[in-house]
Amino acid sequence: MEYRGSLRTDIMSAPKVITIFGNARVGENRKEYLDAVELGKLLAQSGFVVCNGGYGGIMEASAKGAKSYGGKTIGVTVQTFTRMPNHFLDEIIPKPNLLERLQKLIELGDAYVVYKGGTGTLVELALSWEYMNKGLMKEKPIIIIGNFWKPVVKTLKNELAWEGLENCTKYITQLASPAECINLLQQKFR
């Protein structure tokens, strides 16, 4: 699928921040990394700000893609980590611990894009989703890229339906590519 959006002019005057979650250790030659580079580029091209956890893997890839198009990037880091943030960040926001980092990533995001990841990514997805489920923040798009999280969402949808809360999965949209993601975000923020 090709990207069908237009350039920066059709995003509302204040740039929207898209927070990206995903695996910190995925290598540069992996499909997820290359997809995240493409997503970052398309986000910048569309006038969005890229926000992420500031380190390697998907975080680095999305920031790298955004910077390749001259976009703005924000990294929210953790002071207890000894590794250095990636060098594609315009702004670094250090937080003292993982919970405060996660809170800031969620707070900054106008939408969330979630790639394949481990327990950290699961927590990021779950907390964003839970805040909306409980009405603790306004509804924002949560976009999962690829099939990795599909079984998790399906399992929870089945359980929530049993509990009478089947509508709780309405916040999650599964898409196959960065181009589909951009098209959806363009529609949401026109």
N, C-alpha and C. Protein backbone atom coordinates (compact mmCIF):
# COMPACT_ATOMS: atom_id res chain seq x y z
N MET A 1 0.84 -1.18 0.00
CA MET A 1 0.00 0.00 0.00
C MET A 1 0.88 1.24 0.00
N GLU A 2 0.52 2.23 -0.79
CA GLU A 2 1.30 3.45 -0.86
C GLU A 2 0.72 4.51 0.07
N TYR A 3 1.59 5.39 0.50
CA TYR A 3 1.18 6.52 1.32
C TYR A 3 0.39 7.50 0.46
N ARG A 4 -0.83 7.89 0.91
CA ARG A 4 -1.69 8.75 0.12
C ARG A 4 -1.89 10.13 0.74
N GLY A 5 -1.24 10.42 1.82
CA GLY A 5 -1.45 11.70 2.49
C GLY A 5 -0.73 12.83 1.79
N SER A 6 -0.98 14.02 2.27
CA SER A 6 -0.29 15.17 1.72
C SER A 6 0.76 15.64 2.71
N LEU A 7 1.48 16.66 2.36
CA LEU A 7 2.54 17.15 3.21
C LEU A 7 1.99 17.89 4.42
N ARG A 8 2.84 18.51 5.17
CA ARG A 8 2.56 19.11 6.46
C ARG A 8 1.32 20.00 6.52
N THR A 9 0.84 20.50 5.45
CA THR A 9 -0.21 21.50 5.46
C THR A 9 -1.55 21.02 5.99
N ASP A 10 -1.84 19.72 5.98
CA ASP A 10 -3.16 19.33 6.45
C ASP A 10 -3.17 18.77 7.87
N ILE A 11 -2.11 18.94 8.62
CA ILE A 11 -2.12 18.65 10.05
C ILE A 11 -2.52 19.95 10.76
N MET A 12 -3.31 19.85 11.80
CA MET A 12 -3.71 21.05 12.53
C MET A 12 -2.46 21.83 12.95
N SER A 13 -2.62 23.10 13.26
CA SER A 13 -1.49 24.00 13.46
C SER A 13 -0.46 23.50 14.47
N ALA A 14 -0.87 22.95 15.58
CA ALA A 14 0.10 22.40 16.53
C ALA A 14 0.45 20.98 16.10
N PRO A 15 1.73 20.71 15.92
CA PRO A 15 2.11 19.35 15.48
C PRO A 15 1.67 18.30 16.49
N LYS A 16 1.16 17.20 16.00
CA LYS A 16 0.76 16.08 16.84
C LYS A 16 1.97 15.20 17.10
N VAL A 17 2.04 14.69 18.30
CA VAL A 17 3.15 13.82 18.71
C VAL A 17 2.69 12.38 18.63
N ILE A 18 3.48 11.56 17.93
CA ILE A 18 3.19 10.14 17.83
C ILE A 18 4.25 9.39 18.63
N THR A 19 3.81 8.72 19.68
CA THR A 19 4.72 7.95 20.52
C THR A 19 4.82 6.53 19.96
N ILE A 20 6.04 6.09 19.78
CA ILE A 20 6.30 4.78 19.17
C ILE A 20 6.93 3.86 20.21
N PHE A 21 6.33 2.68 20.37
CA PHE A 21 6.82 1.66 21.28
C PHE A 21 7.30 0.46 20.48
N GLY A 22 8.34 -0.21 20.97
CA GLY A 22 8.80 -1.42 20.29
C GLY A 22 10.12 -1.91 20.85
N ASN A 23 10.57 -3.01 20.30
CA ASN A 23 11.78 -3.72 20.73
C ASN A 23 13.01 -2.83 20.69
N ALA A 24 13.75 -2.79 21.78
CA ALA A 24 14.96 -1.97 21.87
C ALA A 24 16.17 -2.65 21.25
N ARG A 25 16.07 -3.92 20.97
CA ARG A 25 17.26 -4.66 20.52
C ARG A 25 17.19 -5.17 19.08
N VAL A 26 16.17 -4.78 18.35
CA VAL A 26 16.06 -5.23 16.96
C VAL A 26 17.18 -4.58 16.13
N GLY A 27 17.84 -5.40 15.31
CA GLY A 27 18.98 -4.92 14.52
C GLY A 27 18.58 -4.16 13.27
N GLU A 28 19.53 -3.42 12.74
CA GLU A 28 19.30 -2.55 11.59
C GLU A 28 18.88 -3.29 10.33
N ASN A 29 19.18 -4.57 10.22
CA ASN A 29 18.85 -5.32 9.01
C ASN A 29 17.52 -6.06 9.12
N ARG A 30 16.81 -5.90 10.22
CA ARG A 30 15.53 -6.59 10.42
C ARG A 30 14.37 -5.78 9.83
N LYS A 31 13.34 -6.49 9.41
CA LYS A 31 12.17 -5.85 8.79
C LYS A 31 11.55 -4.81 9.71
N GLU A 32 11.42 -5.11 11.00
CA GLU A 32 10.80 -4.17 11.93
C GLU A 32 11.58 -2.86 12.00
N TYR A 33 12.91 -2.98 12.00
CA TYR A 33 13.75 -1.78 12.04
C TYR A 33 13.54 -0.94 10.79
N LEU A 34 13.59 -1.59 9.64
CA LEU A 34 13.43 -0.88 8.38
C LEU A 34 12.04 -0.27 8.27
N ASP A 35 11.02 -0.98 8.74
CA ASP A 35 9.66 -0.43 8.76
C ASP A 35 9.59 0.81 9.67
N ALA A 36 10.25 0.75 10.82
CA ALA A 36 10.22 1.88 11.75
C ALA A 36 10.96 3.09 11.17
N VAL A 37 12.03 2.86 10.41
CA VAL A 37 12.71 3.96 9.71
C VAL A 37 11.72 4.61 8.74
N GLU A 38 11.03 3.77 7.97
CA GLU A 38 10.05 4.27 7.01
C GLU A 38 8.92 5.02 7.72
N LEU A 39 8.44 4.49 8.83
CA LEU A 39 7.40 5.16 9.58
C LEU A 39 7.87 6.53 10.06
N GLY A 40 9.07 6.59 10.61
CA GLY A 40 9.61 7.87 11.07
C GLY A 40 9.69 8.89 9.95
N LYS A 41 10.13 8.45 8.79
CA LYS A 41 10.21 9.34 7.62
C LYS A 41 8.82 9.84 7.23
N LEU A 42 7.85 8.94 7.14
CA LEU A 42 6.50 9.32 6.76
C LEU A 42 5.84 10.23 7.80
N LEU A 43 6.12 9.97 9.07
CA LEU A 43 5.59 10.84 10.12
C LEU A 43 6.15 12.25 9.97
N ALA A 44 7.45 12.36 9.78
CA ALA A 44 8.07 13.68 9.61
C ALA A 44 7.53 14.37 8.36
N GLN A 45 7.42 13.64 7.28
CA GLN A 45 6.90 14.18 6.03
C GLN A 45 5.49 14.72 6.21
N SER A 46 4.74 14.12 7.10
CA SER A 46 3.35 14.52 7.35
C SER A 46 3.22 15.57 8.44
N GLY A 47 4.33 16.00 9.01
CA GLY A 47 4.29 17.04 10.02
C GLY A 47 4.12 16.58 11.45
N PHE A 48 4.20 15.28 11.69
CA PHE A 48 4.10 14.75 13.04
C PHE A 48 5.46 14.80 13.73
N VAL A 49 5.46 14.87 15.05
CA VAL A 49 6.66 14.76 15.87
C VAL A 49 6.77 13.32 16.31
N VAL A 50 7.97 12.76 16.23
CA VAL A 50 8.22 11.38 16.65
C VAL A 50 8.74 11.39 18.09
N CYS A 51 8.08 10.61 18.93
CA CYS A 51 8.49 10.47 20.33
C CYS A 51 8.69 8.99 20.63
N ASN A 52 9.73 8.68 21.40
CA ASN A 52 9.97 7.29 21.78
C ASN A 52 10.84 7.25 23.03
N GLY A 53 11.24 6.06 23.41
CA GLY A 53 12.03 5.87 24.62
C GLY A 53 13.49 6.27 24.52
N GLY A 54 13.95 6.68 23.36
CA GLY A 54 15.26 7.31 23.22
C GLY A 54 16.47 6.43 23.01
N TYR A 55 16.31 5.13 23.01
CA TYR A 55 17.50 4.28 22.90
C TYR A 55 17.56 3.59 21.53
N GLY A 56 17.90 2.30 21.49
CA GLY A 56 18.13 1.59 20.24
C GLY A 56 16.91 0.91 19.67
N GLY A 57 17.14 0.08 18.67
CA GLY A 57 16.08 -0.72 18.06
C GLY A 57 15.04 0.13 17.38
N ILE A 58 13.78 -0.15 17.67
CA ILE A 58 12.66 0.57 17.06
C ILE A 58 12.72 2.05 17.41
N MET A 59 13.16 2.38 18.60
CA MET A 59 13.26 3.78 19.01
C MET A 59 14.24 4.52 18.11
N GLU A 60 15.43 3.97 17.96
CA GLU A 60 16.45 4.56 17.09
C GLU A 60 15.95 4.64 15.64
N ALA A 61 15.36 3.56 15.17
CA ALA A 61 14.92 3.50 13.78
C ALA A 61 13.88 4.58 13.46
N SER A 62 12.89 4.76 14.33
CA SER A 62 11.86 5.76 14.06
C SER A 62 12.44 7.17 14.10
N ALA A 63 13.35 7.42 15.03
CA ALA A 63 13.99 8.74 15.10
C ALA A 63 14.90 8.96 13.89
N LYS A 64 15.60 7.95 13.49
CA LYS A 64 16.47 8.04 12.31
C LYS A 64 15.66 8.39 11.06
N GLY A 65 14.54 7.71 10.88
CA GLY A 65 13.68 7.99 9.74
C GLY A 65 13.15 9.41 9.77
N ALA A 66 12.72 9.87 10.94
CA ALA A 66 12.21 11.24 11.06
C ALA A 66 13.29 12.26 10.74
N LYS A 67 14.48 12.04 11.27
CA LYS A 67 15.57 12.99 11.02
C LYS A 67 16.00 12.99 9.56
N SER A 68 15.86 11.87 8.87
CA SER A 68 16.24 11.81 7.45
C SER A 68 15.34 12.72 6.60
N TYR A 69 14.19 13.08 7.15
CA TYR A 69 13.30 13.98 6.44
C TYR A 69 13.23 15.35 7.13
N GLY A 70 14.08 15.58 8.11
CA GLY A 70 14.12 16.87 8.81
C GLY A 70 13.07 17.03 9.88
N GLY A 71 12.51 15.92 10.34
CA GLY A 71 11.47 15.98 11.36
C GLY A 71 12.01 16.19 12.76
N LYS A 72 11.11 16.49 13.69
CA LYS A 72 11.45 16.69 15.10
C LYS A 72 11.30 15.37 15.85
N THR A 73 12.23 15.12 16.76
CA THR A 73 12.22 13.89 17.54
C THR A 73 12.40 14.18 19.03
N ILE A 74 11.73 13.38 19.84
CA ILE A 74 11.82 13.48 21.29
C ILE A 74 12.12 12.10 21.83
N GLY A 75 13.08 12.00 22.75
CA GLY A 75 13.37 10.75 23.43
C GLY A 75 13.17 10.91 24.93
N VAL A 76 12.43 10.02 25.53
CA VAL A 76 12.23 10.04 26.99
C VAL A 76 13.08 8.90 27.55
N THR A 77 14.12 9.26 28.28
CA THR A 77 15.10 8.28 28.75
C THR A 77 14.96 8.03 30.25
N VAL A 78 15.74 7.08 30.73
CA VAL A 78 15.72 6.70 32.14
C VAL A 78 17.10 6.94 32.73
N GLN A 79 17.17 7.69 33.80
CA GLN A 79 18.46 8.03 34.40
C GLN A 79 19.20 6.83 34.95
N THR A 80 18.49 5.76 35.29
CA THR A 80 19.16 4.58 35.83
C THR A 80 19.82 3.72 34.76
N PHE A 81 19.48 3.94 33.48
CA PHE A 81 20.13 3.18 32.40
C PHE A 81 21.51 3.76 32.14
N THR A 82 22.48 2.89 31.92
CA THR A 82 23.84 3.37 31.64
C THR A 82 24.10 3.60 30.16
N ARG A 83 23.25 3.08 29.29
CA ARG A 83 23.47 3.27 27.86
C ARG A 83 23.13 4.70 27.45
N MET A 84 23.69 5.10 26.34
CA MET A 84 23.50 6.44 25.82
C MET A 84 22.28 6.49 24.90
N PRO A 85 21.56 7.61 24.91
CA PRO A 85 20.45 7.75 23.98
C PRO A 85 20.97 7.75 22.53
N ASN A 86 20.10 7.44 21.59
CA ASN A 86 20.54 7.46 20.20
C ASN A 86 20.77 8.90 19.76
N HIS A 87 21.54 9.08 18.71
CA HIS A 87 21.95 10.42 18.29
C HIS A 87 21.01 11.08 17.27
N PHE A 88 19.80 10.54 17.13
CA PHE A 88 18.82 11.11 16.21
C PHE A 88 17.75 11.93 16.95
N LEU A 89 18.01 12.27 18.19
CA LEU A 89 17.03 12.97 19.02
C LEU A 89 17.29 14.47 19.08
N ASP A 90 16.25 15.26 18.92
CA ASP A 90 16.35 16.72 19.08
C ASP A 90 16.21 17.11 20.53
N GLU A 91 15.36 16.40 21.24
CA GLU A 91 15.09 16.71 22.63
C GLU A 91 15.13 15.43 23.44
N ILE A 92 15.84 15.48 24.56
CA ILE A 92 15.91 14.34 25.47
C ILE A 92 15.28 14.75 26.79
N ILE A 93 14.32 13.96 27.24
CA ILE A 93 13.66 14.21 28.52
C ILE A 93 14.03 13.06 29.46
N PRO A 94 14.96 13.31 30.38
CA PRO A 94 15.35 12.23 31.31
C PRO A 94 14.34 12.09 32.46
N LYS A 95 14.06 10.86 32.80
CA LYS A 95 13.18 10.55 33.92
C LYS A 95 13.93 9.65 34.88
N PRO A 96 13.62 9.71 36.17
CA PRO A 96 14.40 8.95 37.16
C PRO A 96 14.14 7.44 37.14
N ASN A 97 12.97 7.01 36.66
CA ASN A 97 12.67 5.58 36.69
C ASN A 97 11.76 5.21 35.52
N LEU A 98 11.56 3.92 35.35
CA LEU A 98 10.77 3.42 34.22
C LEU A 98 9.31 3.86 34.26
N LEU A 99 8.72 3.88 35.43
CA LEU A 99 7.32 4.27 35.54
C LEU A 99 7.11 5.73 35.13
N GLU A 100 7.96 6.62 35.60
CA GLU A 100 7.84 8.03 35.22
C GLU A 100 8.14 8.22 33.73
N ARG A 101 9.05 7.44 33.21
CA ARG A 101 9.33 7.48 31.77
C ARG A 101 8.08 7.08 30.98
N LEU A 102 7.46 5.99 31.37
CA LEU A 102 6.27 5.52 30.69
C LEU A 102 5.14 6.54 30.79
N GLN A 103 4.96 7.12 31.96
CA GLN A 103 3.94 8.16 32.14
C GLN A 103 4.17 9.31 31.16
N LYS A 104 5.42 9.73 31.00
CA LYS A 104 5.74 10.86 30.12
C LYS A 104 5.51 10.48 28.66
N LEU A 105 5.90 9.28 28.25
CA LEU A 105 5.67 8.83 26.88
C LEU A 105 4.18 8.83 26.54
N ILE A 106 3.37 8.37 27.48
CA ILE A 106 1.92 8.35 27.26
C ILE A 106 1.36 9.77 27.25
N GLU A 107 1.82 10.58 28.18
CA GLU A 107 1.36 11.97 28.26
C GLU A 107 1.66 12.75 26.98
N LEU A 108 2.84 12.56 26.42
CA LEU A 108 3.23 13.30 25.22
C LEU A 108 2.48 12.86 23.97
N GLY A 109 2.07 11.61 23.92
CA GLY A 109 1.50 11.06 22.69
C GLY A 109 0.08 11.52 22.41
N ASP A 110 -0.14 11.90 21.15
CA ASP A 110 -1.49 12.13 20.64
C ASP A 110 -2.03 10.84 20.01
N ALA A 111 -1.12 9.92 19.75
CA ALA A 111 -1.42 8.58 19.24
C ALA A 111 -0.22 7.71 19.58
N TYR A 112 -0.43 6.38 19.53
CA TYR A 112 0.62 5.42 19.87
C TYR A 112 0.72 4.39 18.75
N VAL A 113 1.96 4.12 18.35
CA VAL A 113 2.22 3.07 17.37
C VAL A 113 3.06 2.02 18.07
N VAL A 114 2.61 0.77 18.00
CA VAL A 114 3.26 -0.30 18.75
C VAL A 114 3.78 -1.37 17.80
N TYR A 115 5.08 -1.58 17.84
CA TYR A 115 5.73 -2.64 17.08
C TYR A 115 5.95 -3.84 17.98
N LYS A 116 6.40 -4.91 17.39
CA LYS A 116 6.78 -6.12 18.12
C LYS A 116 7.76 -5.75 19.23
N GLY A 117 7.61 -6.41 20.38
CA GLY A 117 8.50 -6.12 21.49
C GLY A 117 8.34 -7.13 22.60
N GLY A 118 8.99 -6.87 23.70
CA GLY A 118 8.97 -7.77 24.85
C GLY A 118 8.06 -7.24 25.95
N THR A 119 8.43 -7.54 27.18
CA THR A 119 7.57 -7.18 28.31
C THR A 119 7.46 -5.66 28.47
N GLY A 120 8.52 -4.94 28.17
CA GLY A 120 8.46 -3.48 28.25
C GLY A 120 7.43 -2.92 27.29
N THR A 121 7.44 -3.42 26.07
CA THR A 121 6.47 -2.97 25.06
C THR A 121 5.06 -3.39 25.46
N LEU A 122 4.93 -4.57 26.03
CA LEU A 122 3.63 -5.03 26.52
C LEU A 122 3.08 -4.08 27.57
N VAL A 123 3.92 -3.65 28.50
CA VAL A 123 3.49 -2.71 29.54
C VAL A 123 3.06 -1.38 28.91
N GLU A 124 3.82 -0.91 27.92
CA GLU A 124 3.48 0.34 27.25
C GLU A 124 2.12 0.26 26.56
N LEU A 125 1.91 -0.82 25.84
CA LEU A 125 0.63 -1.04 25.18
C LEU A 125 -0.49 -1.14 26.21
N ALA A 126 -0.27 -1.96 27.22
CA ALA A 126 -1.31 -2.21 28.22
C ALA A 126 -1.69 -0.95 29.00
N LEU A 127 -0.71 -0.16 29.40
CA LEU A 127 -1.02 1.02 30.21
C LEU A 127 -1.74 2.09 29.38
N SER A 128 -1.31 2.29 28.14
CA SER A 128 -2.00 3.24 27.26
C SER A 128 -3.47 2.82 27.11
N TRP A 129 -3.65 1.56 26.83
CA TRP A 129 -4.97 0.98 26.63
C TRP A 129 -5.81 1.08 27.90
N GLU A 130 -5.24 0.75 29.02
CA GLU A 130 -5.96 0.75 30.29
C GLU A 130 -6.41 2.15 30.69
N TYR A 131 -5.56 3.16 30.46
CA TYR A 131 -5.96 4.53 30.78
C TYR A 131 -7.21 4.93 30.00
N MET A 132 -7.29 4.50 28.74
CA MET A 132 -8.49 4.80 27.95
C MET A 132 -9.68 3.97 28.43
N ASN A 133 -9.44 2.69 28.69
CA ASN A 133 -10.51 1.82 29.18
C ASN A 133 -11.16 2.36 30.45
N LYS A 134 -10.33 2.92 31.31
CA LYS A 134 -10.83 3.41 32.60
C LYS A 134 -11.25 4.87 32.55
N GLY A 135 -11.15 5.51 31.38
CA GLY A 135 -11.54 6.91 31.25
C GLY A 135 -10.59 7.87 31.93
N LEU A 136 -9.34 7.44 32.15
CA LEU A 136 -8.36 8.30 32.81
C LEU A 136 -7.67 9.26 31.84
N MET A 137 -7.86 9.02 30.55
CA MET A 137 -7.40 9.97 29.54
C MET A 137 -8.32 9.86 28.34
N LYS A 138 -8.28 10.87 27.49
CA LYS A 138 -9.17 10.86 26.33
C LYS A 138 -8.75 9.77 25.35
N GLU A 139 -9.68 9.40 24.52
CA GLU A 139 -9.43 8.36 23.53
C GLU A 139 -8.39 8.84 22.51
N LYS A 140 -7.39 8.01 22.27
CA LYS A 140 -6.34 8.29 21.30
C LYS A 140 -6.10 7.01 20.50
N PRO A 141 -5.68 7.15 19.26
CA PRO A 141 -5.41 5.94 18.47
C PRO A 141 -4.25 5.12 19.04
N ILE A 142 -4.45 3.82 19.10
CA ILE A 142 -3.37 2.87 19.38
C ILE A 142 -3.30 1.97 18.15
N ILE A 143 -2.18 2.03 17.48
CA ILE A 143 -2.01 1.27 16.24
C ILE A 143 -0.94 0.22 16.44
N ILE A 144 -1.30 -1.04 16.25
CA ILE A 144 -0.29 -2.09 16.30
C ILE A 144 0.08 -2.43 14.86
N ILE A 145 1.38 -2.48 14.63
CA ILE A 145 1.89 -2.77 13.29
C ILE A 145 2.28 -4.25 13.24
N GLY A 146 1.73 -4.96 12.27
CA GLY A 146 2.05 -6.38 12.10
C GLY A 146 1.13 -7.26 12.93
N ASN A 147 1.47 -8.54 12.97
CA ASN A 147 0.62 -9.54 13.62
C ASN A 147 1.04 -9.93 15.03
N PHE A 148 2.17 -9.44 15.51
CA PHE A 148 2.71 -9.90 16.78
C PHE A 148 1.72 -9.76 17.94
N TRP A 149 1.06 -8.61 18.07
CA TRP A 149 0.17 -8.35 19.20
C TRP A 149 -1.26 -8.83 18.95
N LYS A 150 -1.55 -9.28 17.76
CA LYS A 150 -2.91 -9.70 17.40
C LYS A 150 -3.47 -10.76 18.36
N PRO A 151 -2.71 -11.82 18.69
CA PRO A 151 -3.26 -12.82 19.63
C PRO A 151 -3.54 -12.26 21.02
N VAL A 152 -2.72 -11.31 21.46
CA VAL A 152 -2.94 -10.69 22.77
C VAL A 152 -4.25 -9.92 22.76
N VAL A 153 -4.44 -9.10 21.72
CA VAL A 153 -5.67 -8.31 21.62
C VAL A 153 -6.88 -9.23 21.49
N LYS A 154 -6.77 -10.29 20.69
CA LYS A 154 -7.89 -11.22 20.50
C LYS A 154 -8.25 -11.91 21.82
N THR A 155 -7.25 -12.35 22.55
CA THR A 155 -7.50 -13.02 23.83
C THR A 155 -8.20 -12.08 24.80
N LEU A 156 -7.72 -10.84 24.87
CA LEU A 156 -8.34 -9.88 25.77
C LEU A 156 -9.74 -9.51 25.31
N LYS A 157 -9.93 -9.41 24.01
CA LYS A 157 -11.28 -9.10 23.49
C LYS A 157 -12.26 -10.20 23.91
N ASN A 158 -11.84 -11.46 23.79
CA ASN A 158 -12.69 -12.57 24.20
C ASN A 158 -13.00 -12.52 25.70
N GLU A 159 -11.99 -12.26 26.49
CA GLU A 159 -12.19 -12.18 27.94
C GLU A 159 -13.07 -10.99 28.31
N LEU A 160 -12.81 -9.85 27.69
CA LEU A 160 -13.59 -8.65 27.99
C LEU A 160 -15.04 -8.82 27.56
N ALA A 161 -15.27 -9.53 26.44
CA ALA A 161 -16.65 -9.80 25.99
C ALA A 161 -17.37 -10.64 27.05
N TRP A 162 -16.68 -11.63 27.60
CA TRP A 162 -17.26 -12.46 28.64
C TRP A 162 -17.64 -11.62 29.86
N GLU A 163 -16.83 -10.58 30.12
CA GLU A 163 -17.10 -9.69 31.25
C GLU A 163 -18.11 -8.59 30.90
N GLY A 164 -18.55 -8.56 29.63
CA GLY A 164 -19.49 -7.53 29.20
C GLY A 164 -18.83 -6.24 28.79
N LEU A 165 -17.53 -6.28 28.53
CA LEU A 165 -16.77 -5.07 28.18
C LEU A 165 -16.13 -5.18 26.79
N GLU A 166 -16.80 -5.87 25.87
CA GLU A 166 -16.18 -6.15 24.56
C GLU A 166 -15.79 -4.89 23.80
N ASN A 167 -16.41 -3.78 24.08
CA ASN A 167 -16.11 -2.54 23.38
C ASN A 167 -14.73 -1.97 23.73
N CYS A 168 -14.08 -2.52 24.74
CA CYS A 168 -12.79 -2.01 25.19
C CYS A 168 -11.68 -2.17 24.16
N THR A 169 -11.85 -3.05 23.19
CA THR A 169 -10.81 -3.21 22.17
C THR A 169 -10.97 -2.21 21.03
N LYS A 170 -11.94 -1.34 21.11
CA LYS A 170 -12.17 -0.35 20.05
C LYS A 170 -11.01 0.62 19.88
N TYR A 171 -10.17 0.74 20.88
CA TYR A 171 -9.04 1.67 20.81
C TYR A 171 -7.90 1.14 19.96
N ILE A 172 -7.87 -0.15 19.71
CA ILE A 172 -6.75 -0.80 19.03
C ILE A 172 -7.09 -1.01 17.56
N THR A 173 -6.15 -0.61 16.69
CA THR A 173 -6.26 -0.87 15.26
C THR A 173 -5.01 -1.61 14.82
N GLN A 174 -5.18 -2.73 14.16
CA GLN A 174 -4.04 -3.48 13.64
C GLN A 174 -3.86 -3.13 12.17
N LEU A 175 -2.63 -2.77 11.81
CA LEU A 175 -2.29 -2.45 10.43
C LEU A 175 -1.04 -3.19 10.01
N ALA A 176 -0.84 -3.30 8.72
CA ALA A 176 0.28 -4.09 8.21
C ALA A 176 1.52 -3.27 7.89
N SER A 177 1.38 -1.96 7.67
CA SER A 177 2.54 -1.21 7.15
C SER A 177 2.56 0.22 7.66
N PRO A 178 3.75 0.86 7.56
CA PRO A 178 3.85 2.28 7.90
C PRO A 178 2.93 3.16 7.05
N ALA A 179 2.78 2.84 5.77
CA ALA A 179 1.91 3.65 4.89
C ALA A 179 0.47 3.61 5.38
N GLU A 180 -0.02 2.44 5.78
CA GLU A 180 -1.38 2.34 6.31
C GLU A 180 -1.51 3.14 7.60
N CYS A 181 -0.47 3.11 8.40
CA CYS A 181 -0.46 3.84 9.67
C CYS A 181 -0.57 5.35 9.42
N ILE A 182 0.20 5.86 8.49
CA ILE A 182 0.16 7.28 8.18
C ILE A 182 -1.21 7.68 7.65
N ASN A 183 -1.75 6.87 6.76
CA ASN A 183 -3.07 7.18 6.22
C ASN A 183 -4.11 7.28 7.34
N LEU A 184 -4.07 6.35 8.30
CA LEU A 184 -5.01 6.39 9.40
C LEU A 184 -4.80 7.64 10.26
N LEU A 185 -3.54 7.94 10.57
CA LEU A 185 -3.25 9.11 11.39
C LEU A 185 -3.68 10.41 10.69
N GLN A 186 -3.46 10.47 9.39
CA GLN A 186 -3.90 11.64 8.63
C GLN A 186 -5.42 11.79 8.75
N GLN A 187 -6.14 10.70 8.63
CA GLN A 187 -7.60 10.77 8.75
C GLN A 187 -8.04 11.22 10.13
N LYS A 188 -7.36 10.70 11.17
CA LYS A 188 -7.73 11.01 12.54
C LYS A 188 -7.50 12.49 12.89
N PHE A 189 -6.43 13.08 12.32
CA PHE A 189 -6.02 14.42 12.74
C PHE A 189 -6.30 15.51 11.72
N ARG A 190 -7.10 15.23 10.71
CA ARG A 190 -7.47 16.30 9.75
C ARG A 190 -8.42 17.26 10.39
